[in-house]
N, C-alpha and C. Protein backbone atom coordinates (compact mmCIF):
# COMPACT_ATOMS: atom_id res chain seq x y z
N MET A 1 -14.69 -44.23 -138.02
CA MET A 1 -13.88 -44.85 -136.99
C MET A 1 -14.74 -45.23 -135.78
N VAL A 2 -15.60 -44.31 -135.36
CA VAL A 2 -16.47 -44.59 -134.22
C VAL A 2 -17.38 -45.76 -134.53
N LEU A 3 -17.90 -45.79 -135.75
CA LEU A 3 -18.77 -46.90 -136.15
C LEU A 3 -18.01 -48.22 -136.09
N GLY A 4 -16.76 -48.22 -136.51
CA GLY A 4 -15.94 -49.43 -136.47
C GLY A 4 -15.72 -49.92 -135.05
N VAL A 5 -15.49 -49.00 -134.13
CA VAL A 5 -15.31 -49.37 -132.72
C VAL A 5 -16.60 -49.96 -132.16
N CYS A 6 -17.73 -49.36 -132.53
CA CYS A 6 -19.03 -49.87 -132.06
C CYS A 6 -19.30 -51.28 -132.60
N VAL A 7 -19.01 -51.49 -133.87
CA VAL A 7 -19.21 -52.81 -134.47
C VAL A 7 -18.29 -53.84 -133.80
N ALA A 8 -17.05 -53.46 -133.55
CA ALA A 8 -16.12 -54.37 -132.88
C ALA A 8 -16.59 -54.70 -131.47
N GLY A 9 -17.11 -53.70 -130.77
CA GLY A 9 -17.63 -53.93 -129.42
C GLY A 9 -18.82 -54.87 -129.41
N LEU A 10 -19.74 -54.68 -130.34
CA LEU A 10 -20.89 -55.57 -130.44
C LEU A 10 -20.46 -56.98 -130.81
N SER A 11 -19.47 -57.09 -131.67
CA SER A 11 -18.95 -58.40 -132.04
C SER A 11 -18.35 -59.11 -130.83
N ALA A 12 -17.63 -58.36 -130.01
CA ALA A 12 -17.02 -58.95 -128.80
C ALA A 12 -18.09 -59.42 -127.82
N VAL A 13 -19.13 -58.62 -127.65
CA VAL A 13 -20.21 -59.00 -126.73
C VAL A 13 -20.91 -60.26 -127.24
N GLY A 14 -21.19 -60.31 -128.53
CA GLY A 14 -21.82 -61.50 -129.11
C GLY A 14 -20.97 -62.74 -128.94
N ALA A 15 -19.66 -62.60 -129.18
CA ALA A 15 -18.75 -63.74 -129.02
C ALA A 15 -18.69 -64.19 -127.57
N GLN A 16 -18.70 -63.25 -126.64
CA GLN A 16 -18.66 -63.59 -125.21
C GLN A 16 -19.90 -64.37 -124.80
N VAL A 17 -21.06 -63.93 -125.26
CA VAL A 17 -22.31 -64.63 -124.93
C VAL A 17 -22.28 -66.04 -125.49
N ARG A 18 -21.81 -66.20 -126.72
CA ARG A 18 -21.75 -67.53 -127.32
C ARG A 18 -20.75 -68.43 -126.59
N CYS A 19 -19.63 -67.87 -126.14
CA CYS A 19 -18.66 -68.66 -125.36
C CYS A 19 -19.25 -69.10 -124.02
N VAL A 20 -19.98 -68.21 -123.36
CA VAL A 20 -20.62 -68.55 -122.08
C VAL A 20 -21.63 -69.67 -122.29
N ASP A 21 -22.47 -69.54 -123.31
CA ASP A 21 -23.47 -70.58 -123.59
C ASP A 21 -22.81 -71.92 -123.92
N ALA A 22 -21.76 -71.88 -124.73
CA ALA A 22 -21.07 -73.11 -125.12
C ALA A 22 -20.41 -73.78 -123.93
N ALA A 23 -19.77 -73.00 -123.07
CA ALA A 23 -19.11 -73.57 -121.88
C ALA A 23 -20.14 -74.20 -120.95
N ARG A 24 -21.27 -73.53 -120.77
CA ARG A 24 -22.31 -74.06 -119.89
C ARG A 24 -22.83 -75.40 -120.42
N GLU A 25 -23.12 -75.48 -121.71
CA GLU A 25 -23.64 -76.72 -122.28
C GLU A 25 -22.59 -77.83 -122.23
N ALA A 26 -21.33 -77.49 -122.48
CA ALA A 26 -20.27 -78.50 -122.43
C ALA A 26 -20.13 -79.07 -121.03
N ALA A 27 -20.14 -78.22 -120.02
CA ALA A 27 -20.02 -78.69 -118.64
C ALA A 27 -21.22 -79.56 -118.26
N ARG A 28 -22.40 -79.15 -118.66
CA ARG A 28 -23.61 -79.91 -118.33
C ARG A 28 -23.59 -81.29 -118.97
N LEU A 29 -23.25 -81.36 -120.26
CA LEU A 29 -23.21 -82.66 -120.94
C LEU A 29 -22.09 -83.55 -120.41
N ALA A 30 -20.93 -82.97 -120.14
CA ALA A 30 -19.83 -83.77 -119.60
C ALA A 30 -20.18 -84.32 -118.23
N ALA A 31 -20.88 -83.53 -117.42
CA ALA A 31 -21.28 -83.98 -116.09
C ALA A 31 -22.24 -85.16 -116.16
N ARG A 32 -22.92 -85.29 -117.28
CA ARG A 32 -23.81 -86.44 -117.50
C ARG A 32 -23.06 -87.65 -118.04
N GLY A 33 -21.76 -87.46 -118.33
CA GLY A 33 -20.95 -88.57 -118.82
C GLY A 33 -20.79 -88.61 -120.32
N ASP A 34 -21.15 -87.55 -121.01
CA ASP A 34 -21.09 -87.52 -122.47
C ASP A 34 -20.06 -86.49 -122.94
N ASP A 35 -18.79 -86.79 -122.72
CA ASP A 35 -17.71 -85.86 -123.08
C ASP A 35 -17.68 -85.57 -124.58
N ARG A 36 -17.93 -86.60 -125.38
CA ARG A 36 -17.87 -86.42 -126.84
C ARG A 36 -18.92 -85.43 -127.31
N SER A 37 -20.16 -85.63 -126.88
CA SER A 37 -21.23 -84.70 -127.26
C SER A 37 -20.97 -83.32 -126.70
N ALA A 38 -20.35 -83.26 -125.54
CA ALA A 38 -20.07 -81.96 -124.92
C ALA A 38 -19.21 -81.10 -125.83
N THR A 39 -18.14 -81.67 -126.36
CA THR A 39 -17.27 -80.88 -127.24
C THR A 39 -17.93 -80.60 -128.58
N GLU A 40 -18.72 -81.53 -129.09
CA GLU A 40 -19.41 -81.30 -130.37
C GLU A 40 -20.44 -80.19 -130.25
N VAL A 41 -21.27 -80.25 -129.23
CA VAL A 41 -22.32 -79.24 -129.05
C VAL A 41 -21.70 -77.88 -128.77
N ALA A 42 -20.70 -77.85 -127.91
CA ALA A 42 -20.04 -76.58 -127.61
C ALA A 42 -19.41 -75.98 -128.86
N GLY A 43 -18.85 -76.83 -129.71
CA GLY A 43 -18.26 -76.35 -130.96
C GLY A 43 -19.28 -75.73 -131.89
N ARG A 44 -20.51 -76.24 -131.85
CA ARG A 44 -21.57 -75.66 -132.70
C ARG A 44 -22.09 -74.35 -132.13
N ILE A 45 -22.13 -74.23 -130.81
CA ILE A 45 -22.65 -73.02 -130.17
C ILE A 45 -21.62 -71.90 -130.19
N ALA A 46 -20.37 -72.24 -129.95
CA ALA A 46 -19.30 -71.25 -129.81
C ALA A 46 -19.04 -70.54 -131.14
N PRO A 47 -18.36 -69.40 -131.08
CA PRO A 47 -17.98 -68.72 -132.32
C PRO A 47 -17.09 -69.62 -133.19
N LYS A 48 -17.11 -69.38 -134.48
CA LYS A 48 -16.32 -70.19 -135.42
C LYS A 48 -14.84 -70.18 -135.03
N GLY A 49 -14.25 -71.37 -135.01
CA GLY A 49 -12.84 -71.50 -134.69
C GLY A 49 -12.51 -71.52 -133.21
N ALA A 50 -13.51 -71.54 -132.35
CA ALA A 50 -13.27 -71.53 -130.90
C ALA A 50 -12.70 -72.86 -130.44
N ALA A 51 -11.92 -72.81 -129.37
CA ALA A 51 -11.35 -74.01 -128.76
C ALA A 51 -12.20 -74.40 -127.55
N VAL A 52 -12.48 -75.69 -127.42
CA VAL A 52 -13.27 -76.21 -126.31
C VAL A 52 -12.40 -77.19 -125.54
N ASP A 53 -12.21 -76.94 -124.25
CA ASP A 53 -11.40 -77.80 -123.40
C ASP A 53 -12.22 -78.26 -122.19
N LEU A 54 -12.15 -79.57 -121.92
CA LEU A 54 -12.79 -80.14 -120.73
C LEU A 54 -11.69 -80.63 -119.80
N ARG A 55 -11.87 -80.36 -118.50
CA ARG A 55 -10.89 -80.81 -117.50
C ARG A 55 -11.66 -81.31 -116.29
N TRP A 56 -11.30 -82.50 -115.85
CA TRP A 56 -11.92 -83.09 -114.66
C TRP A 56 -11.03 -82.88 -113.46
N ASP A 57 -11.66 -82.59 -112.33
CA ASP A 57 -10.96 -82.47 -111.05
C ASP A 57 -11.86 -83.12 -110.01
N GLY A 58 -11.63 -84.40 -109.76
CA GLY A 58 -12.51 -85.15 -108.86
C GLY A 58 -13.87 -85.33 -109.51
N ASP A 59 -14.91 -84.87 -108.83
CA ASP A 59 -16.25 -84.99 -109.39
C ASP A 59 -16.72 -83.70 -110.06
N LEU A 60 -15.80 -82.78 -110.29
CA LEU A 60 -16.13 -81.53 -110.98
C LEU A 60 -15.57 -81.56 -112.39
N VAL A 61 -16.34 -81.05 -113.33
CA VAL A 61 -15.86 -80.91 -114.70
C VAL A 61 -15.84 -79.42 -115.03
N TYR A 62 -14.72 -78.97 -115.57
CA TYR A 62 -14.55 -77.58 -115.98
C TYR A 62 -14.55 -77.54 -117.51
N ALA A 63 -15.38 -76.71 -118.06
CA ALA A 63 -15.42 -76.52 -119.51
C ALA A 63 -14.97 -75.10 -119.81
N ARG A 64 -14.00 -74.97 -120.70
CA ARG A 64 -13.49 -73.65 -121.08
C ARG A 64 -13.60 -73.52 -122.59
N VAL A 65 -14.17 -72.42 -123.02
CA VAL A 65 -14.31 -72.12 -124.44
C VAL A 65 -13.61 -70.79 -124.69
N SER A 66 -12.70 -70.79 -125.65
CA SER A 66 -11.99 -69.55 -125.96
C SER A 66 -11.97 -69.32 -127.47
N SER A 67 -12.00 -68.04 -127.82
CA SER A 67 -12.09 -67.66 -129.23
C SER A 67 -11.31 -66.37 -129.46
N ARG A 68 -10.84 -66.21 -130.68
CA ARG A 68 -10.18 -64.96 -131.10
C ARG A 68 -10.98 -64.42 -132.27
N PRO A 69 -11.87 -63.48 -132.01
CA PRO A 69 -12.67 -62.92 -133.10
C PRO A 69 -11.78 -62.23 -134.13
N PRO A 70 -12.04 -62.46 -135.43
CA PRO A 70 -11.18 -61.89 -136.47
C PRO A 70 -11.20 -60.37 -136.51
N ILE A 71 -12.29 -59.77 -136.07
CA ILE A 71 -12.40 -58.31 -136.13
C ILE A 71 -11.64 -57.63 -134.99
N LEU A 72 -11.33 -58.38 -133.94
CA LEU A 72 -10.62 -57.81 -132.78
C LEU A 72 -9.23 -58.43 -132.69
N PHE A 73 -8.29 -57.83 -133.33
CA PHE A 73 -6.92 -58.36 -133.37
C PHE A 73 -6.31 -58.40 -131.98
N GLY A 74 -5.77 -59.56 -131.61
CA GLY A 74 -5.07 -59.70 -130.35
C GLY A 74 -5.94 -59.85 -129.12
N VAL A 75 -7.25 -59.90 -129.30
CA VAL A 75 -8.16 -60.04 -128.16
C VAL A 75 -8.61 -61.50 -128.08
N ASN A 76 -8.50 -62.08 -126.90
CA ASN A 76 -8.95 -63.44 -126.67
C ASN A 76 -10.18 -63.40 -125.77
N ILE A 77 -11.26 -63.99 -126.25
CA ILE A 77 -12.51 -64.02 -125.49
C ILE A 77 -12.70 -65.45 -125.00
N SER A 78 -13.01 -65.60 -123.71
CA SER A 78 -13.19 -66.95 -123.17
C SER A 78 -14.24 -66.95 -122.06
N ALA A 79 -14.72 -68.16 -121.80
CA ALA A 79 -15.68 -68.36 -120.71
C ALA A 79 -15.43 -69.74 -120.12
N GLN A 80 -15.74 -69.89 -118.85
CA GLN A 80 -15.57 -71.17 -118.17
C GLN A 80 -16.82 -71.48 -117.37
N ALA A 81 -17.18 -72.76 -117.36
CA ALA A 81 -18.32 -73.22 -116.57
C ALA A 81 -17.90 -74.47 -115.81
N VAL A 82 -18.53 -74.70 -114.68
CA VAL A 82 -18.22 -75.85 -113.82
C VAL A 82 -19.52 -76.58 -113.53
N ALA A 83 -19.44 -77.91 -113.52
CA ALA A 83 -20.61 -78.72 -113.16
C ALA A 83 -20.14 -79.90 -112.32
N VAL A 84 -21.03 -80.37 -111.46
CA VAL A 84 -20.76 -81.55 -110.63
C VAL A 84 -21.24 -82.78 -111.39
N ALA A 85 -20.40 -83.80 -111.45
CA ALA A 85 -20.75 -85.03 -112.16
C ALA A 85 -21.95 -85.69 -111.50
N GLU A 86 -22.79 -86.26 -112.32
CA GLU A 86 -23.93 -87.01 -111.79
C GLU A 86 -23.42 -88.30 -111.16
N PRO A 87 -24.18 -88.86 -110.24
CA PRO A 87 -23.76 -90.11 -109.59
C PRO A 87 -23.46 -91.20 -110.63
N GLY A 88 -22.35 -91.87 -110.45
CA GLY A 88 -21.97 -92.94 -111.35
C GLY A 88 -21.11 -92.50 -112.52
N VAL A 89 -20.92 -91.19 -112.69
CA VAL A 89 -20.07 -90.69 -113.77
C VAL A 89 -18.70 -90.42 -113.18
N ARG A 90 -17.70 -91.01 -113.76
CA ARG A 90 -16.29 -90.88 -113.34
C ARG A 90 -16.12 -91.56 -112.02
């Protein structure tokens, strides 16, 4: 049982790191004006089955990546990143 809890904890940490990395890359690419690549790249970095959402608010782009790891029932892991659009984008 203890081993199972440890494995689940490590799985959650790994998923969180991947969500953070995916959100950061999505925000960076979207800020450059490449929304399509942003969601594609984030989808490859994020855990399998993760959702990638981009939202613009003025010259800021918010990228949110969320995932439900299969080993952690009922737990939702997510990360959000923000970037300022480059001049001429949006």
